[in-house]
Each structure stands twice: as structure tokens, then as C-alpha cells.
């Protein structure tokens, strides 16, 4: 089963990906983890990725697609994968679709975890207020979250119609409890 989880930062994609991994013996593929692994591998592709990261630039789509292609070819992805954090643009969604098609694979499900922006801001304010100062990250604040939400709505949310037009997009209510969101996602996965 090959799944994409979409939703704004803080919607719970990582939490739900872990539940899917455990329930279906599929692998969560984090773009950040894949990029770091590629960069440390010493391969030609990894050296290209490292140069881009060291320069602080966005990873070109062709490099990212090749890294994902290499990663899903590994034995632990034989049962499928969950992409969280990719694709972020329609061009990336098209490139991913083409790459999977070339491998004889397809996406089975694209799940949007829908959450109200203001609830996410309230959640981060509550979490930070309860967290010891030593454990807080510098980007763990409402201002940074609002910027990330703006980027999500401007750049990533436009891919939702891309998947809706293909009949793959399903939406779950991310405002519910973690357990209820998991139940909704499991119902969708069971229908695949």
C-alpha cells in the first residue's frame, strides 16, 4: 500500500504515519531522513544533494525524485510506503506519478488531514506553555507556525485538486482525537 499524507504543519501526519507503519508493515519515508542518508552515502546523487543542502537551497525536484526512487527500491519498502512531506508542489506530484508509473507502481491513497489553522496555533501555544524551557525548540512558537501554515496554503494545498481529480484524495477530520483520526484513516486503508 502506497500512501501520501497531506496536511498543514502540526496536523499529526507523523503520528498517523507511525500508526500506519505498525498496522500495515509499510515504511514511512521522511524526505529529511532520505536527504540526510543520501548526503552521507557518498554516492554521486548524495554528493549533489549535500551540495544543495550545504548551500541552503531548496532541493531540485529531479534530485528529490531520484532519492525517493532509490529509497522505495529498497527491501523494506516491499509492502509499501507512506510519504509525509512530499510532494509539496504540483510539479513534484506529477514527477512522482511518472516515476512510480515507470516502476510499475502507483499511489493507493492520498489522505488529507484537515485541521483549522487557529486550532493548530492554540495547540502550539498550549504545548509550549507546558514544556520546560530547556526542551523548547527555537521554531516552536506561534509566529513560526503561522509562517509555515502560509507556505503550506500557498505552495502545497494547490496539489489537493491534482489528487482529487484523479479520485485518490480522501479527507479525514484532524480536529478529532488522535484515536478517532487513526480510525478514520484505517477505514480508508481497509477500502484499498
N, C-alpha and C. Protein backbone atom coordinates (compact mmCIF):
# COMPACT_ATOMS: atom_id res chain seq x y z
N UNK A 1 0.85 -1.17 0.00
CA UNK A 1 0.00 0.00 0.00
C UNK A 1 0.89 1.23 0.00
N UNK A 2 0.67 2.11 -0.97
CA UNK A 2 1.47 3.34 -1.10
C UNK A 2 0.57 4.54 -0.82
N UNK A 3 0.95 5.32 0.19
CA UNK A 3 0.09 6.38 0.71
C UNK A 3 0.87 7.69 0.80
N UNK A 4 0.16 8.79 0.55
CA UNK A 4 0.68 10.12 0.85
C UNK A 4 -0.20 10.71 1.94
N UNK A 5 0.42 11.27 2.96
CA UNK A 5 -0.30 12.02 3.99
C UNK A 5 -0.05 13.51 3.75
N UNK A 6 -1.13 14.26 3.61
CA UNK A 6 -1.04 15.70 3.41
C UNK A 6 -1.75 16.40 4.56
N UNK A 7 -1.35 17.62 4.79
CA UNK A 7 -1.98 18.43 5.82
C UNK A 7 -1.00 19.46 6.30
N UNK A 8 -1.49 20.49 6.95
CA UNK A 8 -0.61 21.55 7.41
C UNK A 8 0.33 21.08 8.51
N UNK A 9 1.39 21.85 8.76
CA UNK A 9 2.29 21.50 9.85
C UNK A 9 1.52 21.42 11.17
N UNK A 10 1.79 20.37 11.92
CA UNK A 10 1.12 20.21 13.21
C UNK A 10 -0.18 19.44 13.13
N UNK A 11 -0.55 18.96 11.93
CA UNK A 11 -1.83 18.26 11.76
C UNK A 11 -1.79 16.83 12.30
N UNK A 12 -0.58 16.30 12.53
CA UNK A 12 -0.47 14.95 13.06
C UNK A 12 -0.05 13.91 12.03
N UNK A 13 0.52 14.36 10.92
CA UNK A 13 0.92 13.42 9.86
C UNK A 13 1.93 12.40 10.37
N UNK A 14 2.92 12.86 11.11
CA UNK A 14 3.95 11.95 11.62
C UNK A 14 3.38 10.93 12.59
N UNK A 15 2.49 11.37 13.45
CA UNK A 15 1.84 10.47 14.41
C UNK A 15 1.04 9.41 13.67
N UNK A 16 0.26 9.84 12.68
CA UNK A 16 -0.58 8.88 11.95
C UNK A 16 0.26 7.96 11.07
N UNK A 17 1.36 8.48 10.53
CA UNK A 17 2.25 7.63 9.72
C UNK A 17 2.79 6.48 10.57
N UNK A 18 3.13 6.76 11.81
CA UNK A 18 3.65 5.71 12.70
C UNK A 18 2.60 4.62 12.92
N UNK A 19 1.35 5.01 13.12
CA UNK A 19 0.28 4.02 13.29
C UNK A 19 0.12 3.18 12.03
N UNK A 20 0.17 3.82 10.86
CA UNK A 20 0.06 3.09 9.59
C UNK A 20 1.22 2.12 9.41
N UNK A 21 2.42 2.57 9.76
CA UNK A 21 3.60 1.70 9.67
C UNK A 21 3.40 0.42 10.48
N UNK A 22 2.97 0.61 11.71
CA UNK A 22 2.81 -0.52 12.61
C UNK A 22 1.67 -1.45 12.17
N UNK A 23 0.58 -0.87 11.69
CA UNK A 23 -0.60 -1.66 11.34
C UNK A 23 -0.46 -2.40 10.02
N UNK A 24 0.34 -1.86 9.09
CA UNK A 24 0.37 -2.42 7.73
C UNK A 24 1.75 -2.86 7.26
N UNK A 25 2.74 -2.81 8.14
CA UNK A 25 4.11 -3.20 7.78
C UNK A 25 4.61 -2.46 6.54
N UNK A 26 4.30 -1.15 6.52
CA UNK A 26 4.81 -0.28 5.46
C UNK A 26 5.74 0.73 6.09
N UNK A 27 6.52 1.43 5.28
CA UNK A 27 7.59 2.28 5.80
C UNK A 27 7.26 3.75 5.57
N UNK A 28 7.41 4.55 6.64
CA UNK A 28 7.28 6.00 6.50
C UNK A 28 8.57 6.54 5.89
N UNK A 29 8.44 7.29 4.81
CA UNK A 29 9.59 7.88 4.16
C UNK A 29 9.58 9.38 4.42
N UNK A 30 10.46 9.81 5.26
CA UNK A 30 10.62 11.22 5.57
C UNK A 30 11.63 11.81 4.60
N UNK A 31 11.24 12.87 3.93
CA UNK A 31 12.16 13.47 2.96
C UNK A 31 13.44 13.95 3.65
N UNK A 32 13.32 14.49 4.84
CA UNK A 32 14.51 14.94 5.56
C UNK A 32 15.46 13.80 5.85
N UNK A 33 14.92 12.67 6.33
CA UNK A 33 15.75 11.50 6.61
C UNK A 33 16.40 10.97 5.34
N UNK A 34 15.62 10.92 4.24
CA UNK A 34 16.17 10.42 2.98
C UNK A 34 17.29 11.32 2.47
N UNK A 35 17.11 12.63 2.60
CA UNK A 35 18.14 13.56 2.13
C UNK A 35 19.42 13.41 2.96
N UNK A 36 19.27 13.30 4.27
CA UNK A 36 20.45 13.15 5.12
C UNK A 36 21.17 11.84 4.82
N UNK A 37 20.41 10.77 4.61
CA UNK A 37 21.02 9.47 4.29
C UNK A 37 21.73 9.53 2.95
N UNK A 38 21.11 10.16 1.97
CA UNK A 38 21.75 10.27 0.65
C UNK A 38 23.03 11.08 0.75
N UNK A 39 22.98 12.19 1.48
CA UNK A 39 24.15 13.06 1.61
C UNK A 39 25.31 12.33 2.30
N UNK A 40 25.00 11.48 3.27
CA UNK A 40 26.07 10.78 3.99
C UNK A 40 26.54 9.52 3.26
N UNK A 41 25.82 9.11 2.20
CA UNK A 41 26.17 7.88 1.50
C UNK A 41 27.44 7.99 0.66
N UNK A 42 27.75 9.22 0.26
CA UNK A 42 28.93 9.40 -0.58
C UNK A 42 28.68 9.11 -2.05
N UNK A 43 27.46 8.69 -2.42
CA UNK A 43 27.14 8.42 -3.82
C UNK A 43 27.15 9.73 -4.61
N UNK A 44 27.14 9.61 -5.92
CA UNK A 44 27.12 10.82 -6.76
C UNK A 44 25.85 11.63 -6.48
N UNK A 45 24.71 10.93 -6.38
CA UNK A 45 23.45 11.61 -6.08
C UNK A 45 23.51 12.25 -4.69
N UNK A 46 24.08 11.51 -3.74
CA UNK A 46 24.22 12.04 -2.39
C UNK A 46 25.11 13.27 -2.33
N UNK A 47 26.17 13.29 -3.12
CA UNK A 47 27.05 14.46 -3.17
C UNK A 47 26.30 15.67 -3.76
N UNK A 48 25.47 15.42 -4.77
CA UNK A 48 24.67 16.51 -5.34
C UNK A 48 23.70 17.06 -4.28
N UNK A 49 23.04 16.16 -3.56
CA UNK A 49 22.09 16.57 -2.53
C UNK A 49 22.81 17.34 -1.42
N UNK A 50 23.98 16.86 -1.01
CA UNK A 50 24.74 17.53 0.04
C UNK A 50 25.13 18.94 -0.37
N UNK A 51 25.55 19.11 -1.62
CA UNK A 51 25.94 20.43 -2.11
C UNK A 51 24.75 21.40 -2.06
N UNK A 52 23.58 20.92 -2.43
CA UNK A 52 22.38 21.76 -2.39
C UNK A 52 22.04 22.13 -0.94
N UNK A 53 22.08 21.13 -0.06
CA UNK A 53 21.75 21.38 1.36
C UNK A 53 22.77 22.33 1.98
N UNK A 54 24.06 22.10 1.70
CA UNK A 54 25.10 22.96 2.28
C UNK A 54 24.96 24.41 1.82
N UNK A 55 24.42 24.60 0.61
CA UNK A 55 24.22 25.95 0.09
C UNK A 55 22.92 26.58 0.60
N UNK A 56 22.12 25.77 1.33
CA UNK A 56 20.87 26.28 1.89
C UNK A 56 19.78 26.48 0.86
N UNK A 57 19.89 25.80 -0.26
CA UNK A 57 18.89 25.95 -1.33
C UNK A 57 17.84 24.83 -1.23
N UNK A 58 16.72 25.05 -1.90
CA UNK A 58 15.70 24.02 -1.98
C UNK A 58 16.19 22.91 -2.90
N UNK A 59 15.86 21.68 -2.56
CA UNK A 59 16.29 20.53 -3.35
C UNK A 59 15.55 20.53 -4.68
N UNK A 60 16.28 20.47 -5.80
CA UNK A 60 15.62 20.38 -7.10
C UNK A 60 14.76 19.11 -7.18
N UNK A 61 13.63 19.23 -7.86
CA UNK A 61 12.69 18.11 -7.95
C UNK A 61 13.34 16.86 -8.50
N UNK A 62 14.20 17.00 -9.52
CA UNK A 62 14.79 15.80 -10.14
C UNK A 62 15.66 15.03 -9.15
N UNK A 63 16.38 15.73 -8.30
CA UNK A 63 17.21 15.05 -7.29
C UNK A 63 16.32 14.38 -6.25
N UNK A 64 15.29 15.09 -5.80
CA UNK A 64 14.40 14.53 -4.78
C UNK A 64 13.69 13.29 -5.31
N UNK A 65 13.21 13.34 -6.54
CA UNK A 65 12.52 12.19 -7.13
C UNK A 65 13.47 11.00 -7.24
N UNK A 66 14.71 11.25 -7.62
CA UNK A 66 15.67 10.15 -7.74
C UNK A 66 15.98 9.53 -6.37
N UNK A 67 16.07 10.38 -5.36
CA UNK A 67 16.31 9.87 -4.00
C UNK A 67 15.14 9.02 -3.54
N UNK A 68 13.91 9.48 -3.80
CA UNK A 68 12.72 8.70 -3.44
C UNK A 68 12.69 7.41 -4.23
N UNK A 69 12.99 7.49 -5.51
CA UNK A 69 13.00 6.29 -6.36
C UNK A 69 13.98 5.25 -5.82
N UNK A 70 15.18 5.70 -5.47
CA UNK A 70 16.17 4.78 -4.91
C UNK A 70 15.68 4.18 -3.60
N UNK A 71 15.04 5.02 -2.77
CA UNK A 71 14.61 4.56 -1.44
C UNK A 71 13.48 3.53 -1.54
N UNK A 72 12.51 3.75 -2.43
CA UNK A 72 11.39 2.80 -2.49
C UNK A 72 11.80 1.49 -3.17
N UNK A 73 12.99 1.48 -3.75
CA UNK A 73 13.51 0.24 -4.32
C UNK A 73 14.18 -0.65 -3.29
N UNK A 74 14.30 -0.18 -2.05
CA UNK A 74 14.96 -0.96 -1.01
C UNK A 74 13.98 -2.01 -0.44
N UNK A 75 14.53 -3.12 0.06
CA UNK A 75 13.69 -4.25 0.50
C UNK A 75 12.64 -3.92 1.55
N UNK A 76 12.90 -2.96 2.43
CA UNK A 76 11.92 -2.67 3.48
C UNK A 76 10.66 -1.98 2.94
N UNK A 77 10.69 -1.56 1.68
CA UNK A 77 9.52 -0.92 1.08
C UNK A 77 8.68 -1.88 0.24
N UNK A 78 8.98 -3.17 0.34
CA UNK A 78 8.28 -4.15 -0.49
C UNK A 78 6.76 -4.16 -0.23
N UNK A 79 6.34 -3.88 0.99
CA UNK A 79 4.91 -3.84 1.31
C UNK A 79 4.27 -2.49 1.05
N UNK A 80 5.11 -1.49 0.79
CA UNK A 80 4.59 -0.16 0.51
C UNK A 80 5.27 0.89 1.35
N UNK A 81 4.81 2.13 1.16
CA UNK A 81 5.43 3.27 1.84
C UNK A 81 4.40 4.35 2.11
N UNK A 82 4.78 5.23 3.02
CA UNK A 82 4.00 6.42 3.35
C UNK A 82 4.90 7.61 3.09
N UNK A 83 4.47 8.52 2.25
CA UNK A 83 5.21 9.76 2.04
C UNK A 83 4.58 10.85 2.89
N UNK A 84 5.40 11.53 3.64
CA UNK A 84 4.96 12.62 4.51
C UNK A 84 5.95 13.75 4.25
N UNK A 85 5.47 14.85 3.69
CA UNK A 85 6.37 15.96 3.38
C UNK A 85 6.74 16.02 1.91
N UNK A 86 6.20 15.12 1.13
CA UNK A 86 6.43 15.12 -0.31
C UNK A 86 5.27 14.41 -0.96
N UNK A 87 4.74 14.91 -2.04
CA UNK A 87 5.13 16.11 -2.78
C UNK A 87 4.60 17.38 -2.13
N UNK A 88 5.25 18.48 -2.46
CA UNK A 88 4.84 19.79 -1.95
C UNK A 88 4.29 20.70 -3.04
N UNK A 89 4.50 20.32 -4.30
CA UNK A 89 4.02 21.13 -5.42
C UNK A 89 3.39 20.21 -6.47
N UNK A 90 2.61 20.80 -7.36
CA UNK A 90 2.01 20.02 -8.43
C UNK A 90 3.08 19.41 -9.32
N UNK A 91 4.15 20.16 -9.59
CA UNK A 91 5.23 19.61 -10.42
C UNK A 91 5.84 18.37 -9.75
N UNK A 92 6.00 18.40 -8.44
CA UNK A 92 6.53 17.24 -7.72
C UNK A 92 5.53 16.08 -7.77
N UNK A 93 4.24 16.39 -7.65
CA UNK A 93 3.21 15.34 -7.71
C UNK A 93 3.23 14.66 -9.08
N UNK A 94 3.38 15.46 -10.13
CA UNK A 94 3.45 14.88 -11.48
C UNK A 94 4.70 14.04 -11.66
N UNK A 95 5.83 14.54 -11.16
CA UNK A 95 7.09 13.79 -11.28
C UNK A 95 7.02 12.49 -10.49
N UNK A 96 6.42 12.52 -9.31
CA UNK A 96 6.25 11.32 -8.50
C UNK A 96 5.36 10.31 -9.23
N UNK A 97 4.27 10.77 -9.79
CA UNK A 97 3.37 9.90 -10.53
C UNK A 97 4.10 9.22 -11.70
N UNK A 98 4.88 9.98 -12.44
CA UNK A 98 5.63 9.44 -13.58
C UNK A 98 6.68 8.42 -13.12
N UNK A 99 7.39 8.74 -12.05
CA UNK A 99 8.42 7.83 -11.54
C UNK A 99 7.79 6.51 -11.08
N UNK A 100 6.69 6.60 -10.35
CA UNK A 100 6.01 5.38 -9.89
C UNK A 100 5.51 4.56 -11.07
N UNK A 101 4.95 5.22 -12.06
CA UNK A 101 4.47 4.54 -13.25
C UNK A 101 5.61 3.80 -13.96
N UNK A 102 6.77 4.45 -14.05
CA UNK A 102 7.94 3.81 -14.67
C UNK A 102 8.36 2.55 -13.92
N UNK A 103 8.07 2.50 -12.61
CA UNK A 103 8.43 1.34 -11.79
C UNK A 103 7.29 0.32 -11.71
N UNK A 104 6.19 0.62 -12.40
CA UNK A 104 5.04 -0.27 -12.33
C UNK A 104 4.29 -0.16 -11.01
N UNK A 105 4.44 0.98 -10.34
CA UNK A 105 3.79 1.22 -9.05
C UNK A 105 2.78 2.35 -9.18
N UNK A 106 1.95 2.49 -8.16
CA UNK A 106 1.00 3.60 -8.13
C UNK A 106 0.72 3.97 -6.68
N UNK A 107 0.14 5.13 -6.52
CA UNK A 107 -0.35 5.52 -5.20
C UNK A 107 -1.71 4.87 -5.00
N UNK A 108 -1.95 4.38 -3.81
CA UNK A 108 -3.24 3.78 -3.49
C UNK A 108 -4.17 4.77 -2.81
N UNK A 109 -3.57 5.73 -2.12
CA UNK A 109 -4.38 6.62 -1.30
C UNK A 109 -3.62 7.90 -1.00
N UNK A 110 -4.32 9.01 -1.09
CA UNK A 110 -3.79 10.30 -0.66
C UNK A 110 -4.75 10.82 0.39
N UNK A 111 -4.26 11.00 1.60
CA UNK A 111 -5.11 11.39 2.72
C UNK A 111 -4.74 12.78 3.19
N UNK A 112 -5.74 13.65 3.19
CA UNK A 112 -5.55 14.99 3.75
C UNK A 112 -6.07 14.98 5.18
N UNK A 113 -5.22 15.36 6.10
CA UNK A 113 -5.64 15.53 7.49
C UNK A 113 -6.01 17.00 7.63
N UNK A 114 -7.30 17.28 7.61
CA UNK A 114 -7.80 18.66 7.61
C UNK A 114 -7.89 19.19 9.04
N UNK A 115 -7.24 20.33 9.26
CA UNK A 115 -7.22 20.95 10.59
C UNK A 115 -7.33 22.46 10.43
N UNK A 116 -8.07 23.08 11.32
CA UNK A 116 -8.22 24.54 11.32
C UNK A 116 -6.92 25.20 11.79
N UNK A 117 -6.46 26.20 11.05
CA UNK A 117 -5.20 26.87 11.38
C UNK A 117 -5.18 27.42 12.81
N UNK A 118 -6.26 28.05 13.22
CA UNK A 118 -6.26 28.67 14.55
C UNK A 118 -6.19 27.64 15.66
N UNK A 119 -6.75 26.45 15.42
CA UNK A 119 -6.64 25.37 16.41
C UNK A 119 -5.18 24.93 16.51
N UNK A 120 -4.49 24.86 15.38
CA UNK A 120 -3.06 24.50 15.40
C UNK A 120 -2.26 25.51 16.20
N UNK A 121 -2.56 26.80 16.02
CA UNK A 121 -1.86 27.85 16.77
C UNK A 121 -2.15 27.70 18.26
N UNK A 122 -3.42 27.43 18.60
CA UNK A 122 -3.76 27.22 20.01
C UNK A 122 -3.01 26.03 20.58
N UNK A 123 -2.91 24.95 19.78
CA UNK A 123 -2.21 23.74 20.24
C UNK A 123 -0.74 24.04 20.54
N UNK A 124 -0.08 24.78 19.64
CA UNK A 124 1.34 25.04 19.86
C UNK A 124 1.53 25.96 21.06
N UNK A 125 0.65 26.93 21.24
CA UNK A 125 0.77 27.81 22.41
C UNK A 125 0.60 27.01 23.70
N UNK A 126 -0.36 26.08 23.71
CA UNK A 126 -0.59 25.24 24.89
C UNK A 126 0.61 24.34 25.14
N UNK A 127 1.11 23.70 24.07
CA UNK A 127 2.25 22.77 24.22
C UNK A 127 3.48 23.51 24.73
N UNK A 128 3.77 24.67 24.16
CA UNK A 128 4.96 25.43 24.58
C UNK A 128 4.82 25.89 26.03
N UNK A 129 3.62 26.28 26.40
CA UNK A 129 3.40 26.74 27.78
C UNK A 129 3.63 25.61 28.79
N UNK A 130 3.38 24.37 28.38
CA UNK A 130 3.53 23.22 29.29
C UNK A 130 4.93 22.61 29.24
N UNK A 131 5.75 23.07 28.32
CA UNK A 131 7.06 22.47 28.09
C UNK A 131 8.14 23.20 28.89
N UNK A 132 9.05 22.45 29.52
CA UNK A 132 10.17 23.13 30.18
C UNK A 132 10.99 23.92 29.16
N UNK A 133 11.46 25.07 29.56
CA UNK A 133 12.16 25.96 28.62
C UNK A 133 13.35 25.27 27.95
N UNK A 134 14.03 24.39 28.65
CA UNK A 134 15.19 23.70 28.08
C UNK A 134 14.83 22.77 26.94
N UNK A 135 13.57 22.33 26.89
CA UNK A 135 13.13 21.40 25.84
C UNK A 135 12.54 22.10 24.63
N UNK A 136 12.32 23.40 24.72
CA UNK A 136 11.70 24.13 23.62
C UNK A 136 12.68 24.33 22.48
N UNK A 137 12.16 24.14 21.26
CA UNK A 137 12.96 24.44 20.07
C UNK A 137 12.74 25.91 19.71
N UNK A 138 13.72 26.50 19.06
CA UNK A 138 13.60 27.91 18.72
C UNK A 138 12.46 28.18 17.74
N UNK A 139 12.07 27.16 16.96
CA UNK A 139 10.99 27.36 15.99
C UNK A 139 9.64 26.88 16.53
N UNK A 140 9.59 26.52 17.81
CA UNK A 140 8.35 26.06 18.42
C UNK A 140 7.57 27.26 18.96
N UNK A 141 6.96 28.02 18.06
CA UNK A 141 6.19 29.17 18.50
C UNK A 141 5.12 29.50 17.45
N UNK A 142 4.14 30.28 17.88
CA UNK A 142 3.00 30.59 17.01
C UNK A 142 3.42 31.37 15.77
N UNK A 143 4.37 32.27 15.91
CA UNK A 143 4.81 33.08 14.75
C UNK A 143 5.41 32.19 13.65
N UNK A 144 6.29 31.29 14.04
CA UNK A 144 6.90 30.38 13.06
C UNK A 144 5.84 29.47 12.45
N UNK A 145 4.93 28.97 13.29
CA UNK A 145 3.86 28.11 12.78
C UNK A 145 3.01 28.86 11.76
N UNK A 146 2.67 30.11 12.05
CA UNK A 146 1.85 30.88 11.10
C UNK A 146 2.57 31.03 9.76
N UNK A 147 3.88 31.24 9.78
CA UNK A 147 4.65 31.33 8.53
C UNK A 147 4.61 30.00 7.78
N UNK A 148 4.80 28.90 8.50
CA UNK A 148 4.77 27.58 7.88
C UNK A 148 3.38 27.26 7.33
N UNK A 149 2.34 27.69 8.03
CA UNK A 149 0.97 27.49 7.53
C UNK A 149 0.75 28.28 6.24
N UNK A 150 1.28 29.50 6.20
CA UNK A 150 1.18 30.32 4.99
C UNK A 150 1.84 29.64 3.81
N UNK A 151 3.02 29.09 4.03
CA UNK A 151 3.73 28.38 2.96
C UNK A 151 2.93 27.15 2.53
N UNK A 152 2.38 26.42 3.49
CA UNK A 152 1.57 25.24 3.17
C UNK A 152 0.39 25.63 2.27
N UNK A 153 -0.35 26.66 2.67
CA UNK A 153 -1.54 27.04 1.91
C UNK A 153 -1.18 27.59 0.53
N UNK A 154 -0.06 28.27 0.43
CA UNK A 154 0.35 28.85 -0.84
C UNK A 154 0.95 27.82 -1.79
N UNK A 155 1.79 26.93 -1.25
CA UNK A 155 2.56 26.04 -2.12
C UNK A 155 2.05 24.61 -2.17
N UNK A 156 1.64 24.06 -1.05
CA UNK A 156 1.28 22.64 -1.00
C UNK A 156 -0.21 22.39 -1.20
N UNK A 157 -1.06 23.17 -0.58
CA UNK A 157 -2.51 22.95 -0.71
C UNK A 157 -2.97 22.91 -2.17
N UNK A 158 -2.34 23.64 -3.10
CA UNK A 158 -2.77 23.54 -4.50
C UNK A 158 -2.63 22.15 -5.12
N UNK A 159 -1.91 21.22 -4.48
CA UNK A 159 -1.85 19.87 -5.05
C UNK A 159 -3.08 19.03 -4.68
N UNK A 160 -3.89 19.52 -3.76
CA UNK A 160 -5.09 18.77 -3.38
C UNK A 160 -6.01 18.52 -4.58
N UNK A 161 -6.28 19.53 -5.43
CA UNK A 161 -7.11 19.26 -6.62
C UNK A 161 -6.46 18.27 -7.59
N UNK A 162 -5.13 18.26 -7.66
CA UNK A 162 -4.42 17.31 -8.52
C UNK A 162 -4.82 15.89 -8.17
N UNK A 163 -4.82 15.57 -6.87
CA UNK A 163 -5.18 14.23 -6.44
C UNK A 163 -6.69 14.02 -6.42
N UNK A 164 -7.46 15.07 -6.13
CA UNK A 164 -8.92 14.95 -6.17
C UNK A 164 -9.38 14.61 -7.59
N UNK A 165 -8.78 15.25 -8.58
CA UNK A 165 -9.15 14.98 -9.98
C UNK A 165 -8.85 13.54 -10.38
N UNK A 166 -7.92 12.90 -9.71
CA UNK A 166 -7.57 11.51 -10.00
C UNK A 166 -8.37 10.52 -9.15
N UNK A 167 -9.25 11.06 -8.31
CA UNK A 167 -10.09 10.21 -7.47
C UNK A 167 -9.34 9.56 -6.32
N UNK A 168 -8.16 10.06 -5.99
CA UNK A 168 -7.35 9.45 -4.93
C UNK A 168 -7.47 10.15 -3.59
N UNK A 169 -7.88 11.42 -3.58
CA UNK A 169 -7.85 12.22 -2.37
C UNK A 169 -9.02 11.90 -1.45
N UNK A 170 -8.69 11.58 -0.21
CA UNK A 170 -9.68 11.37 0.84
C UNK A 170 -9.32 12.32 1.98
N UNK A 171 -10.33 12.78 2.69
CA UNK A 171 -10.09 13.73 3.77
C UNK A 171 -10.56 13.13 5.09
N UNK A 172 -9.75 13.35 6.12
CA UNK A 172 -10.16 12.97 7.47
C UNK A 172 -10.18 14.24 8.33
N UNK A 173 -10.96 14.20 9.37
CA UNK A 173 -11.12 15.34 10.26
C UNK A 173 -10.03 15.32 11.32
N UNK A 174 -9.00 16.12 11.10
CA UNK A 174 -7.88 16.17 12.03
C UNK A 174 -8.17 16.91 13.32
N UNK A 175 -9.40 17.41 13.46
CA UNK A 175 -9.79 18.11 14.68
C UNK A 175 -10.23 17.13 15.76
N UNK A 176 -10.43 15.89 15.37
CA UNK A 176 -10.85 14.86 16.32
C UNK A 176 -9.65 14.38 17.14
N UNK A 177 -9.90 13.49 18.07
CA UNK A 177 -8.81 12.94 18.88
C UNK A 177 -7.87 12.11 17.99
N UNK A 178 -6.67 11.88 18.46
CA UNK A 178 -5.70 11.07 17.71
C UNK A 178 -6.30 9.71 17.38
N UNK A 179 -6.97 9.11 18.34
CA UNK A 179 -7.56 7.78 18.14
C UNK A 179 -8.65 7.81 17.07
N UNK A 180 -9.47 8.86 17.08
CA UNK A 180 -10.55 8.96 16.09
C UNK A 180 -9.99 9.22 14.68
N UNK A 181 -8.93 10.01 14.59
CA UNK A 181 -8.28 10.24 13.29
C UNK A 181 -7.70 8.92 12.78
N UNK A 182 -7.06 8.17 13.67
CA UNK A 182 -6.50 6.87 13.30
C UNK A 182 -7.60 5.96 12.78
N UNK A 183 -8.75 5.94 13.44
CA UNK A 183 -9.88 5.09 12.99
C UNK A 183 -10.35 5.49 11.59
N UNK A 184 -10.44 6.80 11.34
CA UNK A 184 -10.85 7.27 10.01
C UNK A 184 -9.85 6.80 8.95
N UNK A 185 -8.58 6.94 9.25
CA UNK A 185 -7.54 6.56 8.28
C UNK A 185 -7.56 5.05 8.06
N UNK A 186 -7.76 4.28 9.11
CA UNK A 186 -7.82 2.83 8.98
C UNK A 186 -9.00 2.40 8.11
N UNK A 187 -10.12 3.08 8.24
CA UNK A 187 -11.28 2.76 7.39
C UNK A 187 -10.94 3.00 5.92
N UNK A 188 -10.23 4.10 5.64
CA UNK A 188 -9.83 4.39 4.26
C UNK A 188 -8.84 3.34 3.75
N UNK A 189 -7.87 2.99 4.61
CA UNK A 189 -6.86 1.99 4.20
C UNK A 189 -7.50 0.63 3.95
N UNK A 190 -8.48 0.28 4.75
CA UNK A 190 -9.14 -1.03 4.59
C UNK A 190 -9.89 -1.11 3.28
N UNK A 191 -10.29 0.03 2.74
CA UNK A 191 -11.06 0.04 1.48
C UNK A 191 -10.16 -0.05 0.25
N UNK A 192 -8.85 0.02 0.47
CA UNK A 192 -7.92 -0.02 -0.67
C UNK A 192 -7.73 -1.44 -1.16
